[in-house]
Amino acid sequence: MAKKILCPVDGSDHAAVGLTKAVELAKFTGAHLTICAVNLAVGGARGPTINQWTDEDAATLLAKAESDARAAGATDVGTAVLLSRSAAPAIIAYAAEIDAGQIVMGTGDKRGLRRLVLGSVAAEVAGQAGCSVTVAR
């Protein structure tokens, strides 16, 4: 059983589903739950690099997720903000860094052409992570 669970969140309803499942798993196994948010950076080639959220917005997002997790019964919870240009590689690298045994994340309902064009962070994480990945819907 995983001793450490990583759950990425972004404030979406899909991420909330993932968090609910991560909390259930953490409670069942007694694992430490780390909730992370990937603050995506854009720009930089000919202009400034701008993050998706301000530091305050990222902290607020994680505080709410941590509060929700604790309200649902998780007791061993931590948070982290990851700065990256791409979400999936950041999640995969951080999971390895903290030696997570499980990543639990939500996924959207992209289908058909939208999924082919936009891709899926959950699919990329599931295909490349060095630990177990649970994708919740």
N, C-alpha and C. Protein backbone atom coordinates (compact mmCIF):
# COMPACT_ATOMS: atom_id res chain seq x y z
N MET A 1 0.83 -1.19 0.00
CA MET A 1 0.00 0.00 0.00
C MET A 1 0.87 1.25 0.00
N ALA A 2 0.37 2.25 -0.65
CA ALA A 2 1.12 3.51 -0.75
C ALA A 2 1.19 4.20 0.60
N LYS A 3 2.37 4.67 0.94
CA LYS A 3 2.56 5.44 2.18
C LYS A 3 2.37 6.93 1.93
N LYS A 4 2.50 7.32 0.63
CA LYS A 4 2.35 8.72 0.25
C LYS A 4 1.49 8.80 -1.00
N ILE A 5 0.49 9.68 -0.95
CA ILE A 5 -0.42 9.88 -2.08
C ILE A 5 -0.29 11.33 -2.53
N LEU A 6 -0.20 11.53 -3.83
CA LEU A 6 -0.16 12.87 -4.41
C LEU A 6 -1.46 13.11 -5.16
N CYS A 7 -2.07 14.26 -4.91
CA CYS A 7 -3.32 14.61 -5.58
C CYS A 7 -3.21 16.02 -6.17
N PRO A 8 -3.09 16.14 -7.49
CA PRO A 8 -3.07 17.46 -8.13
C PRO A 8 -4.48 18.05 -8.18
N VAL A 9 -4.58 19.35 -7.93
CA VAL A 9 -5.85 20.05 -8.02
C VAL A 9 -5.68 21.34 -8.82
N ASP A 10 -6.79 21.80 -9.40
CA ASP A 10 -6.75 23.06 -10.14
C ASP A 10 -8.00 23.90 -9.92
N GLY A 11 -8.80 23.51 -8.96
CA GLY A 11 -10.02 24.27 -8.66
C GLY A 11 -11.23 23.81 -9.45
N SER A 12 -11.07 22.84 -10.36
CA SER A 12 -12.19 22.38 -11.17
C SER A 12 -13.01 21.33 -10.43
N ASP A 13 -14.21 21.08 -10.94
CA ASP A 13 -15.05 20.03 -10.38
C ASP A 13 -14.39 18.67 -10.54
N HIS A 14 -13.68 18.47 -11.64
CA HIS A 14 -13.00 17.19 -11.88
C HIS A 14 -11.90 16.95 -10.85
N ALA A 15 -11.18 18.00 -10.52
CA ALA A 15 -10.14 17.88 -9.50
C ALA A 15 -10.75 17.58 -8.14
N ALA A 16 -11.92 18.13 -7.85
CA ALA A 16 -12.61 17.87 -6.59
C ALA A 16 -12.97 16.40 -6.46
N VAL A 17 -13.37 15.78 -7.56
CA VAL A 17 -13.67 14.34 -7.56
C VAL A 17 -12.40 13.56 -7.23
N GLY A 18 -11.29 13.94 -7.84
CA GLY A 18 -10.01 13.30 -7.56
C GLY A 18 -9.61 13.46 -6.10
N LEU A 19 -9.82 14.65 -5.55
CA LEU A 19 -9.48 14.90 -4.15
C LEU A 19 -10.32 14.04 -3.22
N THR A 20 -11.60 13.91 -3.53
CA THR A 20 -12.48 13.06 -2.71
C THR A 20 -11.95 11.63 -2.68
N LYS A 21 -11.57 11.10 -3.83
CA LYS A 21 -11.05 9.74 -3.90
C LYS A 21 -9.70 9.62 -3.20
N ALA A 22 -8.86 10.64 -3.33
CA ALA A 22 -7.55 10.63 -2.67
C ALA A 22 -7.72 10.61 -1.16
N VAL A 23 -8.67 11.39 -0.65
CA VAL A 23 -8.93 11.42 0.79
C VAL A 23 -9.42 10.04 1.26
N GLU A 24 -10.34 9.45 0.51
CA GLU A 24 -10.85 8.12 0.88
C GLU A 24 -9.70 7.12 0.96
N LEU A 25 -8.81 7.14 -0.02
CA LEU A 25 -7.69 6.22 -0.06
C LEU A 25 -6.72 6.49 1.10
N ALA A 26 -6.43 7.77 1.35
CA ALA A 26 -5.53 8.13 2.45
C ALA A 26 -6.09 7.69 3.80
N LYS A 27 -7.37 7.88 4.00
CA LYS A 27 -7.99 7.45 5.25
C LYS A 27 -7.93 5.94 5.40
N PHE A 28 -8.20 5.22 4.32
CA PHE A 28 -8.22 3.76 4.35
C PHE A 28 -6.84 3.17 4.62
N THR A 29 -5.81 3.78 4.02
CA THR A 29 -4.45 3.22 4.11
C THR A 29 -3.59 3.89 5.17
N GLY A 30 -4.02 5.04 5.69
CA GLY A 30 -3.20 5.77 6.65
C GLY A 30 -2.05 6.51 5.99
N ALA A 31 -2.13 6.72 4.69
CA ALA A 31 -1.05 7.37 3.94
C ALA A 31 -1.07 8.88 4.14
N HIS A 32 0.10 9.48 3.95
CA HIS A 32 0.21 10.94 3.92
C HIS A 32 -0.33 11.42 2.58
N LEU A 33 -1.14 12.46 2.61
CA LEU A 33 -1.71 13.03 1.39
C LEU A 33 -1.07 14.38 1.11
N THR A 34 -0.47 14.51 -0.06
CA THR A 34 0.05 15.80 -0.50
C THR A 34 -0.84 16.29 -1.64
N ILE A 35 -1.37 17.48 -1.48
CA ILE A 35 -2.19 18.11 -2.50
C ILE A 35 -1.32 19.14 -3.20
N CYS A 36 -1.26 19.07 -4.52
CA CYS A 36 -0.42 20.02 -5.25
C CYS A 36 -1.23 20.76 -6.31
N ALA A 37 -0.75 21.93 -6.64
CA ALA A 37 -1.31 22.73 -7.73
C ALA A 37 -0.16 23.11 -8.65
N VAL A 38 -0.34 22.87 -9.94
CA VAL A 38 0.70 23.24 -10.90
C VAL A 38 0.36 24.63 -11.43
N ASN A 39 1.20 25.59 -11.09
CA ASN A 39 1.02 26.97 -11.55
C ASN A 39 1.75 27.10 -12.88
N LEU A 40 0.99 26.99 -13.96
CA LEU A 40 1.57 26.97 -15.29
C LEU A 40 2.12 28.34 -15.71
N ALA A 41 3.30 28.31 -16.28
CA ALA A 41 3.93 29.53 -16.79
C ALA A 41 3.72 29.60 -18.30
N VAL A 42 3.38 30.79 -18.76
CA VAL A 42 3.21 31.01 -20.20
C VAL A 42 4.04 32.22 -20.60
N GLY A 43 4.34 32.30 -21.88
CA GLY A 43 5.13 33.44 -22.38
C GLY A 43 6.61 33.20 -22.17
N GLY A 44 7.36 34.28 -22.26
CA GLY A 44 8.78 34.21 -22.01
C GLY A 44 9.67 34.28 -23.23
N ALA A 45 9.18 33.92 -24.41
CA ALA A 45 10.04 33.93 -25.59
C ALA A 45 10.46 35.35 -25.95
N ARG A 46 9.48 36.23 -26.08
CA ARG A 46 9.79 37.63 -26.40
C ARG A 46 9.17 38.59 -25.40
N GLY A 47 8.61 38.04 -24.38
CA GLY A 47 7.98 38.86 -23.35
C GLY A 47 8.17 38.20 -21.99
N PRO A 48 7.54 38.75 -21.00
CA PRO A 48 7.71 38.20 -19.65
C PRO A 48 6.99 36.86 -19.49
N THR A 49 7.50 36.05 -18.58
CA THR A 49 6.82 34.82 -18.21
C THR A 49 5.74 35.19 -17.19
N ILE A 50 4.54 34.69 -17.43
CA ILE A 50 3.42 34.98 -16.55
C ILE A 50 2.84 33.65 -16.08
N ASN A 51 2.63 33.53 -14.77
CA ASN A 51 2.03 32.33 -14.22
C ASN A 51 0.51 32.40 -14.31
N GLN A 52 -0.11 31.22 -14.37
CA GLN A 52 -1.56 31.10 -14.45
C GLN A 52 -2.25 31.78 -13.27
N TRP A 53 -1.69 31.58 -12.07
CA TRP A 53 -2.26 32.17 -10.86
C TRP A 53 -1.22 33.04 -10.17
N THR A 54 -1.69 34.02 -9.41
CA THR A 54 -0.79 34.74 -8.53
C THR A 54 -0.42 33.80 -7.38
N ASP A 55 0.61 34.14 -6.64
CA ASP A 55 0.99 33.32 -5.48
C ASP A 55 -0.17 33.24 -4.49
N GLU A 56 -0.87 34.34 -4.32
CA GLU A 56 -2.01 34.38 -3.39
C GLU A 56 -3.14 33.47 -3.89
N ASP A 57 -3.42 33.49 -5.19
CA ASP A 57 -4.48 32.63 -5.75
C ASP A 57 -4.12 31.16 -5.58
N ALA A 58 -2.87 30.80 -5.82
CA ALA A 58 -2.43 29.41 -5.67
C ALA A 58 -2.55 28.98 -4.21
N ALA A 59 -2.14 29.86 -3.30
CA ALA A 59 -2.24 29.55 -1.86
C ALA A 59 -3.70 29.38 -1.44
N THR A 60 -4.57 30.22 -1.96
CA THR A 60 -6.00 30.12 -1.64
C THR A 60 -6.58 28.81 -2.16
N LEU A 61 -6.22 28.44 -3.39
CA LEU A 61 -6.68 27.18 -3.97
C LEU A 61 -6.26 26.00 -3.11
N LEU A 62 -5.00 25.97 -2.71
CA LEU A 62 -4.51 24.86 -1.90
C LEU A 62 -5.10 24.87 -0.49
N ALA A 63 -5.29 26.05 0.08
CA ALA A 63 -5.89 26.12 1.42
C ALA A 63 -7.30 25.55 1.40
N LYS A 64 -8.06 25.85 0.36
CA LYS A 64 -9.42 25.32 0.26
C LYS A 64 -9.38 23.81 0.10
N ALA A 65 -8.51 23.31 -0.76
CA ALA A 65 -8.40 21.87 -0.98
C ALA A 65 -7.98 21.16 0.31
N GLU A 66 -7.02 21.74 1.02
CA GLU A 66 -6.60 21.14 2.29
C GLU A 66 -7.73 21.15 3.31
N SER A 67 -8.46 22.25 3.38
CA SER A 67 -9.60 22.35 4.30
C SER A 67 -10.66 21.31 3.95
N ASP A 68 -10.94 21.16 2.67
CA ASP A 68 -11.92 20.16 2.22
C ASP A 68 -11.46 18.74 2.59
N ALA A 69 -10.17 18.47 2.41
CA ALA A 69 -9.62 17.14 2.72
C ALA A 69 -9.73 16.86 4.22
N ARG A 70 -9.38 17.85 5.03
CA ARG A 70 -9.46 17.66 6.49
C ARG A 70 -10.91 17.51 6.95
N ALA A 71 -11.82 18.28 6.34
CA ALA A 71 -13.24 18.17 6.68
C ALA A 71 -13.79 16.80 6.33
N ALA A 72 -13.20 16.16 5.31
CA ALA A 72 -13.64 14.82 4.89
C ALA A 72 -12.95 13.72 5.70
N GLY A 73 -12.06 14.11 6.61
CA GLY A 73 -11.46 13.12 7.51
C GLY A 73 -9.99 12.83 7.33
N ALA A 74 -9.33 13.47 6.38
CA ALA A 74 -7.89 13.27 6.22
C ALA A 74 -7.17 14.00 7.35
N THR A 75 -6.16 13.37 7.93
CA THR A 75 -5.46 13.99 9.05
C THR A 75 -4.02 14.35 8.74
N ASP A 76 -3.37 13.61 7.85
CA ASP A 76 -1.97 13.83 7.51
C ASP A 76 -1.91 14.43 6.11
N VAL A 77 -2.00 15.76 6.03
CA VAL A 77 -2.15 16.44 4.75
C VAL A 77 -1.10 17.54 4.60
N GLY A 78 -0.50 17.63 3.43
CA GLY A 78 0.42 18.71 3.11
C GLY A 78 0.07 19.27 1.74
N THR A 79 0.66 20.41 1.40
CA THR A 79 0.39 21.04 0.11
C THR A 79 1.69 21.50 -0.54
N ALA A 80 1.62 21.68 -1.86
CA ALA A 80 2.78 22.18 -2.60
C ALA A 80 2.32 22.87 -3.86
N VAL A 81 2.99 23.96 -4.21
CA VAL A 81 2.78 24.63 -5.49
C VAL A 81 3.95 24.25 -6.39
N LEU A 82 3.64 23.77 -7.58
CA LEU A 82 4.66 23.40 -8.55
C LEU A 82 4.65 24.43 -9.67
N LEU A 83 5.79 24.99 -10.01
CA LEU A 83 5.90 25.95 -11.10
C LEU A 83 6.44 25.22 -12.32
N SER A 84 5.72 25.29 -13.43
CA SER A 84 6.13 24.56 -14.63
C SER A 84 5.44 25.12 -15.86
N ARG A 85 5.95 24.78 -17.02
CA ARG A 85 5.31 25.13 -18.29
C ARG A 85 4.34 24.04 -18.73
N SER A 86 4.42 22.88 -18.11
CA SER A 86 3.57 21.75 -18.49
C SER A 86 3.18 20.96 -17.24
N ALA A 87 1.89 20.69 -17.10
CA ALA A 87 1.39 20.09 -15.87
C ALA A 87 1.85 18.65 -15.66
N ALA A 88 1.68 17.80 -16.65
CA ALA A 88 1.96 16.37 -16.45
C ALA A 88 3.42 16.11 -16.04
N PRO A 89 4.41 16.66 -16.74
CA PRO A 89 5.79 16.40 -16.32
C PRO A 89 6.07 16.91 -14.90
N ALA A 90 5.46 18.02 -14.53
CA ALA A 90 5.65 18.55 -13.17
C ALA A 90 5.09 17.60 -12.13
N ILE A 91 3.90 17.07 -12.39
CA ILE A 91 3.27 16.13 -11.46
C ILE A 91 4.10 14.86 -11.34
N ILE A 92 4.54 14.34 -12.47
CA ILE A 92 5.34 13.11 -12.49
C ILE A 92 6.66 13.31 -11.74
N ALA A 93 7.33 14.41 -12.00
CA ALA A 93 8.62 14.68 -11.34
C ALA A 93 8.44 14.87 -9.84
N TYR A 94 7.38 15.59 -9.44
CA TYR A 94 7.16 15.82 -8.01
C TYR A 94 6.80 14.52 -7.30
N ALA A 95 6.01 13.67 -7.95
CA ALA A 95 5.68 12.37 -7.35
C ALA A 95 6.95 11.58 -7.08
N ALA A 96 7.88 11.59 -8.03
CA ALA A 96 9.15 10.89 -7.84
C ALA A 96 9.98 11.54 -6.73
N GLU A 97 9.97 12.87 -6.70
CA GLU A 97 10.75 13.61 -5.69
C GLU A 97 10.30 13.28 -4.28
N ILE A 98 9.00 13.17 -4.06
CA ILE A 98 8.50 12.89 -2.70
C ILE A 98 8.30 11.39 -2.46
N ASP A 99 8.64 10.58 -3.46
CA ASP A 99 8.51 9.12 -3.37
C ASP A 99 7.05 8.71 -3.14
N ALA A 100 6.15 9.33 -3.90
CA ALA A 100 4.73 8.97 -3.81
C ALA A 100 4.53 7.58 -4.38
N GLY A 101 3.70 6.81 -3.71
CA GLY A 101 3.39 5.48 -4.20
C GLY A 101 2.13 5.46 -5.04
N GLN A 102 1.39 6.58 -5.01
CA GLN A 102 0.11 6.66 -5.71
C GLN A 102 -0.17 8.11 -6.08
N ILE A 103 -0.65 8.32 -7.29
CA ILE A 103 -1.17 9.62 -7.71
C ILE A 103 -2.66 9.42 -7.94
N VAL A 104 -3.46 10.28 -7.35
CA VAL A 104 -4.91 10.22 -7.55
C VAL A 104 -5.33 11.57 -8.12
N MET A 105 -5.98 11.54 -9.29
CA MET A 105 -6.37 12.79 -9.92
C MET A 105 -7.67 12.64 -10.68
N GLY A 106 -8.36 13.74 -10.83
CA GLY A 106 -9.58 13.76 -11.62
C GLY A 106 -9.26 14.00 -13.08
N THR A 107 -10.25 13.78 -13.92
CA THR A 107 -10.09 14.05 -15.33
C THR A 107 -11.37 14.63 -15.88
N GLY A 108 -11.23 15.41 -16.93
CA GLY A 108 -12.39 16.01 -17.59
C GLY A 108 -13.09 14.99 -18.46
N ASP A 109 -14.08 15.48 -19.18
CA ASP A 109 -14.85 14.59 -20.04
C ASP A 109 -14.60 14.87 -21.51
N LYS A 110 -13.36 15.22 -21.84
CA LYS A 110 -13.02 15.46 -23.24
C LYS A 110 -13.15 14.16 -24.01
N ARG A 111 -13.76 14.25 -25.17
CA ARG A 111 -13.94 13.06 -26.01
C ARG A 111 -13.61 13.43 -27.46
N GLY A 112 -13.36 12.41 -28.24
CA GLY A 112 -13.20 12.57 -29.68
C GLY A 112 -12.12 13.57 -30.05
N LEU A 113 -12.44 14.47 -30.96
CA LEU A 113 -11.48 15.42 -31.51
C LEU A 113 -10.94 16.36 -30.43
N ARG A 114 -11.79 16.79 -29.49
CA ARG A 114 -11.29 17.67 -28.42
C ARG A 114 -10.16 17.01 -27.65
N ARG A 115 -10.29 15.71 -27.36
CA ARG A 115 -9.26 15.02 -26.61
C ARG A 115 -7.99 14.88 -27.44
N LEU A 116 -8.15 14.60 -28.73
CA LEU A 116 -6.98 14.47 -29.59
C LEU A 116 -6.23 15.79 -29.72
N VAL A 117 -6.96 16.87 -29.81
CA VAL A 117 -6.35 18.18 -29.97
C VAL A 117 -5.77 18.69 -28.65
N LEU A 118 -6.54 18.58 -27.58
CA LEU A 118 -6.13 19.14 -26.30
C LEU A 118 -5.30 18.19 -25.45
N GLY A 119 -5.42 16.88 -25.69
CA GLY A 119 -4.71 15.91 -24.88
C GLY A 119 -5.34 15.79 -23.51
N SER A 120 -4.69 15.07 -22.64
CA SER A 120 -5.20 14.89 -21.30
C SER A 120 -4.04 14.78 -20.33
N VAL A 121 -4.02 15.65 -19.35
CA VAL A 121 -2.97 15.59 -18.33
C VAL A 121 -3.04 14.25 -17.62
N ALA A 122 -4.24 13.80 -17.27
CA ALA A 122 -4.39 12.52 -16.57
C ALA A 122 -3.85 11.37 -17.40
N ALA A 123 -4.13 11.37 -18.70
CA ALA A 123 -3.64 10.29 -19.56
C ALA A 123 -2.12 10.30 -19.64
N GLU A 124 -1.54 11.48 -19.73
CA GLU A 124 -0.08 11.58 -19.79
C GLU A 124 0.55 11.12 -18.47
N VAL A 125 -0.03 11.53 -17.35
CA VAL A 125 0.49 11.11 -16.05
C VAL A 125 0.36 9.60 -15.91
N ALA A 126 -0.81 9.06 -16.24
CA ALA A 126 -1.03 7.62 -16.12
C ALA A 126 -0.06 6.82 -16.99
N GLY A 127 0.27 7.35 -18.14
CA GLY A 127 1.15 6.64 -19.06
C GLY A 127 2.63 6.74 -18.73
N GLN A 128 3.01 7.75 -17.94
CA GLN A 128 4.44 7.98 -17.73
C GLN A 128 4.90 7.96 -16.28
N ALA A 129 4.00 7.99 -15.33
CA ALA A 129 4.40 8.04 -13.92
C ALA A 129 5.07 6.74 -13.51
N GLY A 130 5.98 6.86 -12.57
CA GLY A 130 6.70 5.70 -12.06
C GLY A 130 6.02 5.05 -10.88
N CYS A 131 4.77 5.44 -10.62
CA CYS A 131 4.00 4.85 -9.52
C CYS A 131 2.58 4.60 -10.03
N SER A 132 1.75 4.01 -9.17
CA SER A 132 0.36 3.76 -9.54
C SER A 132 -0.39 5.07 -9.70
N VAL A 133 -1.32 5.09 -10.64
CA VAL A 133 -2.13 6.29 -10.88
C VAL A 133 -3.59 5.88 -10.90
N THR A 134 -4.40 6.59 -10.12
CA THR A 134 -5.84 6.38 -10.13
C THR A 134 -6.46 7.63 -10.74
N VAL A 135 -7.25 7.43 -11.80
CA VAL A 135 -7.93 8.54 -12.45
C VAL A 135 -9.40 8.45 -12.10
N ALA A 136 -9.90 9.47 -11.43
CA ALA A 136 -11.30 9.47 -10.95
C ALA A 136 -12.16 10.32 -11.86
N ARG A 137 -13.37 9.88 -12.07
CA ARG A 137 -14.37 10.62 -12.86
C ARG A 137 -15.58 10.88 -12.02
